[in-house]
C-alpha atoms as a PDB file:
ATOM      1  CA  LEU A   1    -169.503  87.340  16.523  1.00  0.00           C
ATOM      2  CA  ASP A   2    -168.653  86.620  20.117  1.00  0.00           C
ATOM      3  CA  PRO A   3    -165.024  87.402  20.966  1.00  0.00           C
ATOM      4  CA  GLY A   4    -165.458  88.460  24.573  1.00  0.00           C
ATOM      5  CA  ARG A   5    -166.327  91.355  26.816  1.00  0.00           C
ATOM      6  CA  GLY A   6    -165.126  94.816  25.840  1.00  0.00           C
ATOM      7  CA  ALA A   7    -164.596  94.090  22.139  1.00  0.00           C
ATOM      8  CA  THR A   8    -165.740  96.547  19.486  1.00  0.00           C
ATOM      9  CA  ILE A   9    -167.406  95.721  16.167  1.00  0.00           C
ATOM     10  CA  GLY A  10    -164.619  97.452  14.227  1.00  0.00           C
ATOM     11  CA  GLY A  11    -161.966  95.551  16.149  1.00  0.00           C
ATOM     12  CA  MET A  12    -163.747  92.236  15.602  1.00  0.00           C
ATOM     13  CA  ILE A  13    -163.900  92.884  11.851  1.00  0.00           C
ATOM     14  CA  SER A  14    -160.249  94.019  11.767  1.00  0.00           C
ATOM     15  CA  THR A  15    -159.027  90.840  13.422  1.00  0.00           C
ATOM     16  CA  GLY A  16    -161.495  88.432  11.791  1.00  0.00           C
ATOM     17  CA  CYS A  17    -162.581  87.232  15.233  1.00  0.00           C
ATOM     18  CA  SER A  18    -164.479  84.030  15.799  1.00  0.00           C
ATOM     19  CA  GLY A  19    -165.404  83.162  19.391  1.00  0.00           C
ATOM     20  CA  THR A  20    -167.863  80.592  20.706  1.00  0.00           C
ATOM     21  CA  ASN A  21    -170.413  81.229  17.933  1.00  0.00           C
ATOM     22  CA  ALA A  22    -167.934  80.212  15.215  1.00  0.00           C
ATOM     23  CA  VAL A  23    -169.188  76.603  15.254  1.00  0.00           C
ATOM     24  CA  ARG A  24    -172.554  77.715  13.901  1.00  0.00           C
ATOM     25  CA  TYR A  25    -171.887  81.038  12.131  1.00  0.00           C
ATOM     26  CA  GLY A  26    -168.166  81.034  11.325  1.00  0.00           C
ATOM     27  CA  ALA A  27    -165.689  83.839  11.899  1.00  0.00           C
ATOM     28  CA  ALA A  28    -165.996  87.473  10.838  1.00  0.00           C
ATOM     29  CA  ARG A  29    -166.104  87.149   7.038  1.00  0.00           C
ATOM     30  CA  GLY A  30    -167.326  89.206   4.122  1.00  0.00           C
ATOM     31  CA  GLU A  31    -170.677  87.374   4.031  1.00  0.00           C
ATOM     32  CA  TRP A  32    -171.664  88.880   7.405  1.00  0.00           C
ATOM     33  CA  ILE A  33    -170.353  92.420   6.775  1.00  0.00           C
ATOM     34  CA  LEU A  34    -172.448  94.391   4.273  1.00  0.00           C
ATOM     35  CA  ASN A  35    -170.388  97.598   4.222  1.00  0.00           C
ATOM     36  CA  ILE A  36    -167.954  99.525   6.379  1.00  0.00           C
ATOM     37  CA  THR A  37    -166.744 103.079   6.797  1.00  0.00           C
ATOM     38  CA  VAL A  38    -162.979 103.293   7.139  1.00  0.00           C
ATOM     39  CA  VAL A  39    -160.533 106.087   7.982  1.00  0.00           C
ATOM     40  CA  LEU A  40    -157.420 105.540   5.875  1.00  0.00           C
ATOM     41  CA  PRO A  41    -153.902 106.433   7.122  1.00  0.00           C
ATOM     42  CA  SER A  42    -154.031 109.560   4.924  1.00  0.00           C
ATOM     43  CA  GLY A  43    -157.098 110.752   6.854  1.00  0.00           C
ATOM     44  CA  GLU A  44    -159.470 110.103   3.959  1.00  0.00           C
ATOM     45  CA  VAL A  45    -162.816 108.500   4.912  1.00  0.00           C
ATOM     46  CA  ILE A  46    -164.256 105.882   2.565  1.00  0.00           C
ATOM     47  CA  LYS A  47    -167.385 103.747   2.605  1.00  0.00           C
ATOM     48  CA  THR A  48    -167.199 100.345   0.941  1.00  0.00           C
ATOM     49  CA  ARG A  49    -169.786  98.436  -1.098  1.00  0.00           C
ATOM     50  CA  GLN A  50    -172.250 101.186  -1.939  1.00  0.00           C
ATOM     51  CA  ARG A  51    -173.518  99.265  -4.958  1.00  0.00           C
ATOM     52  CA  ALA A  52    -175.829  96.254  -5.138  1.00  0.00           C
ATOM     53  CA  CYS A  53    -174.670  93.143  -3.260  1.00  0.00           C
ATOM     54  CA  LYS A  54    -174.654  90.999  -6.443  1.00  0.00           C
ATOM     55  CA  SER A  55    -172.295  93.304  -8.374  1.00  0.00           C
ATOM     56  CA  SER A  56    -169.045  91.948  -9.825  1.00  0.00           C
ATOM     57  CA  ALA A  57    -167.664  95.336 -10.867  1.00  0.00           C
ATOM     58  CA  GLY A  58    -164.464  96.503  -9.196  1.00  0.00           C
ATOM     59  CA  PHE A  59    -162.612  95.386  -6.078  1.00  0.00           C
ATOM     60  CA  ASP A  60    -164.435  94.135  -2.987  1.00  0.00           C
ATOM     61  CA  LEU A  61    -162.923  96.624  -0.538  1.00  0.00           C
ATOM     62  CA  THR A  62    -164.996  95.302   2.371  1.00  0.00           C
ATOM     63  CA  LYS A  63    -163.233  91.933   2.280  1.00  0.00           C
ATOM     64  CA  LEU A  64    -159.878  93.673   1.885  1.00  0.00           C
ATOM     65  CA  PHE A  65    -160.239  95.378   5.287  1.00  0.00           C
ATOM     66  CA  ILE A  66    -161.424  92.227   7.104  1.00  0.00           C
ATOM     67  CA  CYS A  67    -158.448  90.665   8.972  1.00  0.00           C
ATOM     68  CA  ALA A  68    -156.152  93.569   7.993  1.00  0.00           C
ATOM     69  CA  GLU A  69    -155.711  94.270  11.744  1.00  0.00           C
ATOM     70  CA  GLY A  70    -155.893  98.038  11.277  1.00  0.00           C
ATOM     71  CA  THR A  71    -152.921  98.235   8.917  1.00  0.00           C
ATOM     72  CA  LEU A  72    -155.012  99.530   6.005  1.00  0.00           C
ATOM     73  CA  GLY A  73    -157.347 101.743   8.022  1.00  0.00           C
ATOM     74  CA  ILE A  74    -159.508 102.080  11.120  1.00  0.00           C
ATOM     75  CA  ILE A  75    -163.093 100.837  10.828  1.00  0.00           C
ATOM     76  CA  THR A  76    -165.503 103.398  12.295  1.00  0.00           C
ATOM     77  CA  GLU A  77    -168.906 102.114  11.068  1.00  0.00           C
ATOM     78  CA  ALA A  78    -170.218  98.762   9.908  1.00  0.00           C
ATOM     79  CA  ALA A  79    -173.484  97.403   8.526  1.00  0.00           C
ATOM     80  CA  LEU A  80    -173.856  93.745   9.494  1.00  0.00           C
ATOM     81  CA  ARG A  81    -176.140  90.976   8.287  1.00  0.00           C
ATOM     82  CA  LEU A  82    -178.175  89.740  11.230  1.00  0.00           C
ATOM     83  CA  ALA A  83    -179.087  86.156  12.038  1.00  0.00           C
ATOM     84  CA  PRO A  84    -182.245  85.231  13.955  1.00  0.00           C
ATOM     85  CA  VAL A  85    -181.882  84.135  17.549  1.00  0.00           C
ATOM     86  CA  LEU A  86    -182.890  80.494  17.664  1.00  0.00           C
ATOM     87  CA  PRO A  87    -184.266  78.690  20.718  1.00  0.00           C
ATOM     88  CA  SER A  88    -181.508  76.762  22.453  1.00  0.00           C
ATOM     89  CA  THR A  89    -180.777  74.097  25.001  1.00  0.00           C
ATOM     90  CA  ILE A  90    -177.597  73.944  27.050  1.00  0.00           C
ATOM     91  CA  ALA A  91    -175.750  70.733  27.828  1.00  0.00           C
ATOM     92  CA  VAL A  92    -172.618  70.237  29.907  1.00  0.00           C
ATOM     93  CA  ALA A  93    -170.392  67.182  29.632  1.00  0.00           C
ATOM     94  CA  GLN A  94    -167.073  66.128  31.146  1.00  0.00           C
ATOM     95  CA  PHE A  95    -164.377  64.238  29.255  1.00  0.00           C
ATOM     96  CA  SER A  96    -161.119  62.688  30.384  1.00  0.00           C
ATOM     97  CA  ASP A  97    -159.089  64.671  27.832  1.00  0.00           C
ATOM     98  CA  ILE A  98    -159.449  67.140  24.966  1.00  0.00           C
ATOM     99  CA  ARG A  99    -159.258  64.388  22.311  1.00  0.00           C
ATOM    100  CA  HIS A 100    -162.420  62.700  23.650  1.00  0.00           C
ATOM    101  CA  ALA A 101    -164.200  66.074  23.821  1.00  0.00           C
ATOM    102  CA  THR A 102    -163.213  66.898  20.227  1.00  0.00           C
ATOM    103  CA  ASN A 103    -164.363  63.494  18.985  1.00  0.00           C
ATOM    104  CA  ALA A 104    -167.722  63.946  20.735  1.00  0.00           C
ATOM    105  CA  VAL A 105    -168.295  67.327  19.051  1.00  0.00           C
ATOM    106  CA  CYS A 106    -167.356  65.849  15.648  1.00  0.00           C
ATOM    107  CA  ASP A 107    -169.774  62.945  16.170  1.00  0.00           C
ATOM    108  CA  ILE A 108    -172.590  65.317  17.134  1.00  0.00           C
ATOM    109  CA  LEU A 109    -172.010  67.489  14.042  1.00  0.00           C
ATOM    110  CA  ASN A 110    -171.708  64.440  11.767  1.00  0.00           C
ATOM    111  CA  HIS A 111    -175.093  63.174  12.985  1.00  0.00           C
ATOM    112  CA  GLY A 112    -176.763  66.426  11.863  1.00  0.00           C
ATOM    113  CA  ALA A 113    -177.299  68.206  15.178  1.00  0.00           C
ATOM    114  CA  ALA A 114    -177.254  72.005  14.824  1.00  0.00           C
ATOM    115  CA  LEU A 115    -174.692  73.180  17.359  1.00  0.00           C
ATOM    116  CA  ARG A 116    -174.532  76.934  17.872  1.00  0.00           C
ATOM    117  CA  LYS A 117    -171.710  77.079  20.420  1.00  0.00           C
ATOM    118  CA  SER A 118    -169.016  74.806  21.690  1.00  0.00           C
ATOM    119  CA  GLU A 119    -166.670  75.590  24.567  1.00  0.00           C
ATOM    120  CA  ALA A 120    -163.858  73.589  26.088  1.00  0.00           C
ATOM    121  CA  LEU A 121    -162.615  74.347  29.581  1.00  0.00           C
ATOM    122  CA  GLN A 122    -159.546  72.642  30.951  1.00  0.00           C
ATOM    123  CA  ARG A 123    -158.828  72.340  34.649  1.00  0.00           C
ATOM    124  CA  CYS A 124    -155.351  73.279  35.742  1.00  0.00           C
END
């Protein structure tokens, strides 16, 4: 997850943030969040997914709170799945317009390169 400076883990889960790492890892989804502790509007505190990860019994409350934007409760704790930090190389390229930049990224991904981040900056 990489939404920007000043963001909190609970807020990122609540909004389903993505950021520059979304190209490689995707947005905040249930696969990356193992369990969360939530304060419900009634004041009750619950912890989701206390059973084995491969269980099919009952509702998956963790995924219910992801992208709920705080309407169902406030996330106060989270256990996240971690990904290893891979060695990286940085490249910078200029394109005449956003369409050419998008096509270049698609071509790179289609040829099997493992992109971790992709950013587009537009001059005003």
